């Protein structure tokens, strides 16, 4: 890529980033603080990756997704996941028309650009499997026919980590389909003062659409053009391989702490998310700081810790932090 091409890309990214600023401005009408969550939502949107939001109730997870959908002129559906939900309630079903003696397709709420899967871990395995096809293949099967989903298509799922009764743990195969797992934390004291004064008003209703689906697809094409040097690619591979075979990277103390390392999908998603992060920083190239900024969200649900690590109260985030701290930065 020539200097002129990189310069042209940077100028185009700066021009398009004004739309991101417009989205952030609209989101600020509904959400106080939670800058990390907002940034990760935008990275998922730009990198075409599904997001799993995990946090205790009352941290504006649902409000954030609603506000994001309102800032985009796109179809949005909220699906409240419950133990009695059926796959047909999600993807649709065939309805028999007595008058014409034929079956007609009734499409479900999955046919939208943005899907809010609220409390996803309350759904039984069959529903989770139906969602899995939609997330991975961007299509659903009703009867003997397959229907493609609109583009952009993004699943933003929430789950409550503290309530176990009436929940179904997400299978590793499905969790791996989420590009990012974002841990939503409590607001700072100053932020909670603003929340307190604002009250329990439906602030998301104040959000106005400022961007179209076509503009999102344009920005995604720009994100794909963000330069990823070979040394950055090797840095990504070192991180992922260190989760699988830590001894080779001088991390022998992690050998008995990791049950399963990150899959090849982690390498792909680290690169895509890093490109999106560089885009948000108005750069046409990826630097190591982009990898480290988004690494926890990409890796934490892909690094499985052993029972020994759990007994020592070592989490996947602790392991990722150790890897980032020990590996040489290019």
Protein backbone atom coordinates (compact mmCIF):
# COMPACT_ATOMS: atom_id res chain seq x y z
CA UNK A 1 0.00 0.00 0.00
CA UNK A 2 1.57 3.30 -1.14
CA UNK A 3 1.86 6.44 0.97
CA UNK A 4 -0.74 8.18 -1.21
CA UNK A 5 -3.18 5.29 -0.71
CA UNK A 6 -2.66 5.31 3.07
CA UNK A 7 -3.16 9.08 3.15
CA UNK A 8 -6.36 8.83 1.09
CA UNK A 9 -7.64 6.07 3.39
CA UNK A 10 -6.89 8.19 6.48
CA UNK A 11 -8.78 11.16 5.00
CA UNK A 12 -11.76 8.95 4.16
CA UNK A 13 -11.73 7.45 7.65
CA UNK A 14 -11.67 10.92 9.22
CA UNK A 15 -14.64 11.95 7.07
CA UNK A 16 -16.65 8.84 7.95
CA UNK A 17 -15.75 9.06 11.65
CA UNK A 18 -18.00 12.12 11.94
CA UNK A 19 -20.92 9.70 11.65
CA UNK A 20 -19.52 7.74 14.60
CA UNK A 21 -19.37 10.96 16.60
CA UNK A 22 -23.03 11.58 15.72
CA UNK A 23 -23.94 8.10 17.03
CA UNK A 24 -21.96 8.71 20.23
CA UNK A 25 -23.75 12.01 20.74
CA UNK A 26 -27.14 10.34 20.40
CA UNK A 27 -26.15 7.51 22.75
CA UNK A 28 -25.08 10.04 25.38
CA UNK A 29 -28.71 11.19 25.55
CA UNK A 30 -29.70 7.78 26.88
CA UNK A 31 -26.60 6.50 28.67
CA UNK A 32 -24.56 8.13 31.43
CA UNK A 33 -20.94 6.94 31.46
CA UNK A 34 -20.32 3.31 30.37
CA UNK A 35 -17.83 4.57 27.77
CA UNK A 36 -16.23 1.14 27.51
CA UNK A 37 -19.54 -0.54 26.71
CA UNK A 38 -20.43 2.11 24.12
CA UNK A 39 -17.03 1.79 22.44
CA UNK A 40 -17.34 -1.98 22.25
CA UNK A 41 -20.84 -1.72 20.77
CA UNK A 42 -19.42 0.51 18.03
CA UNK A 43 -16.52 -1.91 17.42
CA UNK A 44 -18.97 -4.78 17.00
CA UNK A 45 -21.04 -2.67 14.62
CA UNK A 46 -17.99 -1.73 12.52
CA UNK A 47 -16.34 -5.16 12.59
CA UNK A 48 -19.56 -7.09 11.88
CA UNK A 49 -19.30 -9.09 15.09
CA UNK A 50 -21.96 -10.21 17.56
CA UNK A 51 -21.62 -9.01 21.15
CA UNK A 52 -22.41 -10.65 24.50
CA UNK A 53 -23.01 -8.13 27.29
CA UNK A 54 -22.68 -9.54 30.79
CA UNK A 55 -23.53 -7.64 33.96
CA UNK A 56 -25.88 -7.48 36.89
CA UNK A 57 -29.36 -5.99 36.34
CA UNK A 58 -29.76 -2.21 36.14
CA UNK A 59 -26.52 -1.30 34.34
CA UNK A 60 -28.21 0.04 31.15
CA UNK A 61 -27.32 -2.95 28.95
CA UNK A 62 -30.76 -3.11 27.35
CA UNK A 63 -31.02 0.69 27.20
CA UNK A 64 -27.68 0.89 25.38
CA UNK A 65 -28.73 -1.60 22.71
CA UNK A 66 -32.10 0.15 22.26
CA UNK A 67 -30.37 3.52 21.93
CA UNK A 68 -27.89 2.13 19.38
CA UNK A 69 -30.71 0.69 17.28
CA UNK A 70 -32.61 3.99 17.40
CA UNK A 71 -29.54 5.87 16.15
CA UNK A 72 -29.61 3.67 13.05
CA UNK A 73 -32.42 3.73 10.48
CA UNK A 74 -32.66 -0.05 10.59
CA UNK A 75 -35.08 -2.78 11.62
CA UNK A 76 -34.77 -3.68 15.29
CA UNK A 77 -36.35 -6.45 17.34
CA UNK A 78 -36.06 -7.17 21.02
CA UNK A 79 -36.55 -10.82 21.94
CA UNK A 80 -37.10 -11.58 25.61
CA UNK A 81 -35.65 -15.04 26.13
CA UNK A 82 -37.63 -17.25 28.51
CA UNK A 83 -37.55 -20.98 29.37
CA UNK A 84 -40.77 -21.61 27.41
CA UNK A 85 -39.50 -19.95 24.20
CA UNK A 86 -39.63 -22.17 21.09
CA UNK A 87 -37.39 -22.02 17.99
CA UNK A 88 -40.46 -21.04 15.93
CA UNK A 89 -40.93 -18.00 18.20
CA UNK A 90 -37.48 -16.88 17.08
CA UNK A 91 -37.11 -17.78 13.41
CA UNK A 92 -40.73 -18.22 12.30
CA UNK A 93 -42.87 -21.13 11.16
CA UNK A 94 -45.16 -22.48 8.43
CA UNK A 95 -48.85 -21.58 8.69
CA UNK A 96 -51.45 -23.67 6.86
CA UNK A 97 -53.79 -21.62 4.69
CA UNK A 98 -57.07 -23.56 4.50
CA UNK A 99 -58.49 -21.38 1.74
CA UNK A 100 -55.58 -22.02 -0.64
CA UNK A 101 -54.61 -25.40 0.87
CA UNK A 102 -50.98 -24.32 1.06
CA UNK A 103 -48.40 -23.59 3.72
CA UNK A 104 -47.25 -20.00 4.06
CA UNK A 105 -44.12 -18.76 5.78
CA UNK A 106 -44.54 -16.51 8.78
CA UNK A 107 -41.14 -14.99 9.49
CA UNK A 108 -40.06 -14.51 13.09
CA UNK A 109 -38.40 -11.55 14.83
CA UNK A 110 -34.91 -12.77 13.81
CA UNK A 111 -35.54 -11.06 10.47
CA UNK A 112 -34.15 -7.67 11.46
CA UNK A 113 -30.88 -5.76 11.25
CA UNK A 114 -30.32 -5.50 14.99
CA UNK A 115 -31.46 -8.19 17.42
CA UNK A 116 -31.50 -7.67 21.17
CA UNK A 117 -31.45 -11.14 22.71
CA UNK A 118 -32.38 -10.16 26.26
CA UNK A 119 -31.27 -12.63 28.96
CA UNK A 120 -30.10 -15.12 26.37
CA UNK A 121 -29.11 -17.70 28.98
CA UNK A 122 -32.78 -18.18 29.91
CA UNK A 123 -33.51 -19.90 26.58
CA UNK A 124 -33.42 -23.71 26.26
CA UNK A 125 -30.90 -25.51 24.04
CA UNK A 126 -33.16 -25.81 20.97
CA UNK A 127 -33.68 -22.04 20.84
CA UNK A 128 -29.97 -21.42 21.31
CA UNK A 129 -29.23 -23.79 18.41
CA UNK A 130 -31.67 -21.91 16.16
CA UNK A 131 -29.96 -18.64 17.05
CA UNK A 132 -26.57 -20.26 16.38
CA UNK A 133 -27.35 -20.85 12.70
CA UNK A 134 -28.57 -17.29 12.28
CA UNK A 135 -25.45 -15.85 13.93
CA UNK A 136 -22.94 -17.93 12.03
CA UNK A 137 -24.57 -18.53 8.64
CA UNK A 138 -26.59 -15.28 8.44
CA UNK A 139 -29.53 -17.39 7.33
CA UNK A 140 -32.36 -19.44 8.86
CA UNK A 141 -34.19 -22.56 7.77
CA UNK A 142 -38.00 -22.73 7.94
CA UNK A 143 -39.46 -26.01 6.77
CA UNK A 144 -37.30 -27.10 3.82
CA UNK A 145 -36.46 -23.56 2.69
CA UNK A 146 -33.48 -21.39 3.67
CA UNK A 147 -33.89 -17.63 3.94
CA UNK A 148 -30.95 -15.17 4.03
CA UNK A 149 -30.98 -12.47 6.69
CA UNK A 150 -30.67 -8.79 5.87
CA UNK A 151 -27.34 -6.99 6.03
CA UNK A 152 -26.19 -5.60 8.37
CA UNK A 153 -27.24 -8.27 10.85
CA UNK A 154 -26.02 -8.04 14.42
CA UNK A 155 -26.98 -9.97 17.56
CA UNK A 156 -26.49 -8.07 20.82
CA UNK A 157 -27.18 -10.44 23.69
CA UNK A 158 -27.38 -9.75 27.42
CA UNK A 159 -27.01 -12.17 30.30
CA UNK A 160 -27.14 -11.93 34.07
CA UNK A 161 -24.09 -13.63 35.65
CA UNK A 162 -25.44 -13.92 39.20
CA UNK A 163 -28.83 -15.56 38.72
CA UNK A 164 -28.60 -19.29 38.07
CA UNK A 165 -32.16 -20.52 38.70
CA UNK A 166 -34.08 -21.00 35.47
CA UNK A 167 -31.04 -20.43 33.27
CA UNK A 168 -29.31 -22.59 30.67
CA UNK A 169 -25.54 -22.04 30.33
CA UNK A 170 -24.57 -21.10 26.79
CA UNK A 171 -22.69 -23.88 24.95
CA UNK A 172 -19.04 -23.09 24.17
CA UNK A 173 -19.83 -23.37 20.44
CA UNK A 174 -22.34 -20.56 20.70
CA UNK A 175 -20.27 -18.38 23.00
CA UNK A 176 -17.44 -18.65 20.44
CA UNK A 177 -19.73 -17.08 17.82
CA UNK A 178 -19.73 -13.81 19.75
CA UNK A 179 -16.86 -11.61 18.64
CA UNK A 180 -16.80 -9.75 21.96
CA UNK A 181 -17.79 -10.54 25.52
CA UNK A 182 -18.18 -7.24 27.33
CA UNK A 183 -18.31 -7.10 31.12
CA UNK A 184 -20.52 -4.19 32.15
CA UNK A 185 -19.50 -2.71 35.51
CA UNK A 186 -21.07 -0.30 38.00
CA UNK A 187 -20.90 3.44 37.17
CA UNK A 188 -18.59 5.86 38.99
CA UNK A 189 -20.06 7.93 41.82
CA UNK A 190 -20.19 11.11 39.74
CA UNK A 191 -21.94 9.25 36.92
CA UNK A 192 -24.48 7.77 39.33
CA UNK A 193 -25.29 11.28 40.58
CA UNK A 194 -26.32 12.16 37.01
CA UNK A 195 -28.33 8.94 36.75
CA UNK A 196 -30.03 9.76 40.05
CA UNK A 197 -30.98 13.26 38.90
CA UNK A 198 -32.17 12.05 35.53
CA UNK A 199 -34.46 9.51 37.17
CA UNK A 200 -36.02 6.48 35.55
CA UNK A 201 -37.15 8.30 32.42
CA UNK A 202 -37.18 6.57 29.05
CA UNK A 203 -34.18 8.49 27.77
CA UNK A 204 -33.78 6.10 24.83
CA UNK A 205 -36.88 7.71 23.29
CA UNK A 206 -34.86 10.93 22.83
CA UNK A 207 -32.39 9.21 20.50
CA UNK A 208 -32.82 10.05 16.80
CA UNK A 209 -31.56 8.13 13.74
CA UNK A 210 -28.36 9.66 12.37
CA UNK A 211 -27.03 6.90 10.12
CA UNK A 212 -28.38 4.41 7.58
CA UNK A 213 -27.56 0.71 7.14
CA UNK A 214 -25.89 1.55 3.82
CA UNK A 215 -23.52 3.95 5.57
CA UNK A 216 -22.63 1.23 8.07
CA UNK A 217 -21.75 -1.12 5.22
CA UNK A 218 -19.60 1.63 3.67
CA UNK A 219 -17.71 2.07 6.95
CA UNK A 220 -17.24 -1.70 7.23
CA UNK A 221 -15.57 -1.72 3.81
CA UNK A 222 -13.24 1.01 5.05
CA UNK A 223 -12.47 -0.96 8.21
CA UNK A 224 -11.48 -3.95 6.05
CA UNK A 225 -8.93 -1.72 4.29
CA UNK A 226 -7.18 -0.66 7.52
CA UNK A 227 -3.57 -1.82 7.18
CA UNK A 228 -2.38 -4.76 9.25
CA UNK A 229 1.41 -5.14 9.08
CA UNK A 230 3.01 -8.59 9.18
CA UNK A 231 4.60 -7.85 12.57
CA UNK A 232 1.12 -7.06 13.96
CA UNK A 233 -0.21 -10.31 12.48
CA UNK A 234 2.61 -12.18 14.22
CA UNK A 235 1.79 -10.39 17.48
CA UNK A 236 -1.83 -11.57 17.21
CA UNK A 237 -0.69 -15.14 16.53
CA UNK A 238 1.76 -15.05 19.44
CA UNK A 239 -1.06 -14.02 21.80
CA UNK A 240 -3.44 -16.72 20.57
CA UNK A 241 -0.78 -19.46 20.53
CA UNK A 242 0.34 -18.46 24.02
CA UNK A 243 -3.14 -19.39 25.28
CA UNK A 244 -2.69 -22.88 23.77
CA UNK A 245 0.93 -23.64 24.58
CA UNK A 246 2.13 -21.12 27.19
CA UNK A 247 5.39 -23.01 27.85
CA UNK A 248 6.73 -22.13 24.40
CA UNK A 249 6.41 -18.46 25.31
CA UNK A 250 8.09 -18.66 28.70
CA UNK A 251 4.78 -18.85 30.56
CA UNK A 252 5.16 -22.28 32.13
CA UNK A 253 3.30 -21.13 35.26
CA UNK A 254 0.14 -20.94 33.13
CA UNK A 255 0.41 -24.56 31.91
CA UNK A 256 -1.91 -25.96 34.58
CA UNK A 257 -4.18 -22.93 34.58
CA UNK A 258 -5.51 -23.16 31.00
CA UNK A 259 -7.87 -26.00 30.08
CA UNK A 260 -8.48 -24.88 26.49
CA UNK A 261 -6.83 -22.08 24.56
CA UNK A 262 -8.38 -19.69 22.07
CA UNK A 263 -9.64 -21.06 18.73
CA UNK A 264 -8.52 -19.82 15.28
CA UNK A 265 -11.65 -17.68 15.30
CA UNK A 266 -9.94 -15.64 18.02
CA UNK A 267 -7.14 -14.70 15.59
CA UNK A 268 -9.66 -13.61 12.97
CA UNK A 269 -11.72 -11.60 15.45
CA UNK A 270 -8.67 -9.98 17.06
CA UNK A 271 -7.61 -8.69 13.65
CA UNK A 272 -11.10 -7.47 12.72
CA UNK A 273 -11.75 -5.83 16.09
CA UNK A 274 -8.30 -4.19 16.07
CA UNK A 275 -9.01 -2.72 12.64
CA UNK A 276 -12.32 -1.33 13.93
CA UNK A 277 -10.55 0.12 17.00
CA UNK A 278 -7.99 1.80 14.72
CA UNK A 279 -10.89 3.22 12.69
CA UNK A 280 -12.41 4.71 15.85
CA UNK A 281 -9.00 6.26 16.58
CA UNK A 282 -9.03 7.74 13.02
CA UNK A 283 -6.06 5.69 11.87
CA UNK A 284 -5.60 3.74 8.66
CA UNK A 285 -3.28 1.19 10.28
CA UNK A 286 -3.28 -1.09 13.34
CA UNK A 287 -0.80 -0.63 16.21
CA UNK A 288 -0.19 -3.00 19.17
CA UNK A 289 -2.28 -0.74 21.43
CA UNK A 290 -5.33 -1.61 19.31
CA UNK A 291 -4.76 -5.32 20.00
CA UNK A 292 -4.34 -4.76 23.73
CA UNK A 293 -7.34 -2.42 23.93
CA UNK A 294 -9.73 -5.02 22.55
CA UNK A 295 -7.90 -8.23 23.50
CA UNK A 296 -9.76 -8.95 26.74
CA UNK A 297 -13.19 -8.70 25.09
CA UNK A 298 -12.14 -11.01 22.24
CA UNK A 299 -10.33 -13.62 24.35
CA UNK A 300 -12.01 -13.84 27.78
CA UNK A 301 -14.77 -16.22 26.62
CA UNK A 302 -12.36 -18.32 24.54
CA UNK A 303 -9.78 -19.11 27.21
CA UNK A 304 -11.15 -21.84 29.49
CA UNK A 305 -9.46 -22.05 32.90
CA UNK A 306 -8.85 -25.27 34.85
CA UNK A 307 -10.40 -26.21 38.20
CA UNK A 308 -6.99 -25.51 39.72
CA UNK A 309 -7.11 -21.95 38.41
CA UNK A 310 -10.64 -21.50 39.75
CA UNK A 311 -9.52 -22.74 43.14
CA UNK A 312 -6.74 -20.14 43.08
CA UNK A 313 -9.30 -17.52 41.99
CA UNK A 314 -7.52 -16.99 38.67
CA UNK A 315 -9.84 -15.86 35.87
CA UNK A 316 -9.38 -15.85 32.10
CA UNK A 317 -8.81 -12.08 32.34
CA UNK A 318 -5.89 -12.72 34.73
CA UNK A 319 -4.37 -15.15 32.23
CA UNK A 320 -4.80 -12.70 29.34
CA UNK A 321 -3.22 -9.95 31.45
CA UNK A 322 -0.24 -12.21 32.17
CA UNK A 323 0.19 -12.98 28.46
CA UNK A 324 0.01 -9.31 27.49
CA UNK A 325 2.52 -8.48 30.22
CA UNK A 326 5.08 -11.11 29.21
CA UNK A 327 4.93 -11.18 25.40
CA UNK A 328 7.25 -8.88 23.52
CA UNK A 329 5.40 -5.98 21.86
CA UNK A 330 6.48 -5.33 18.23
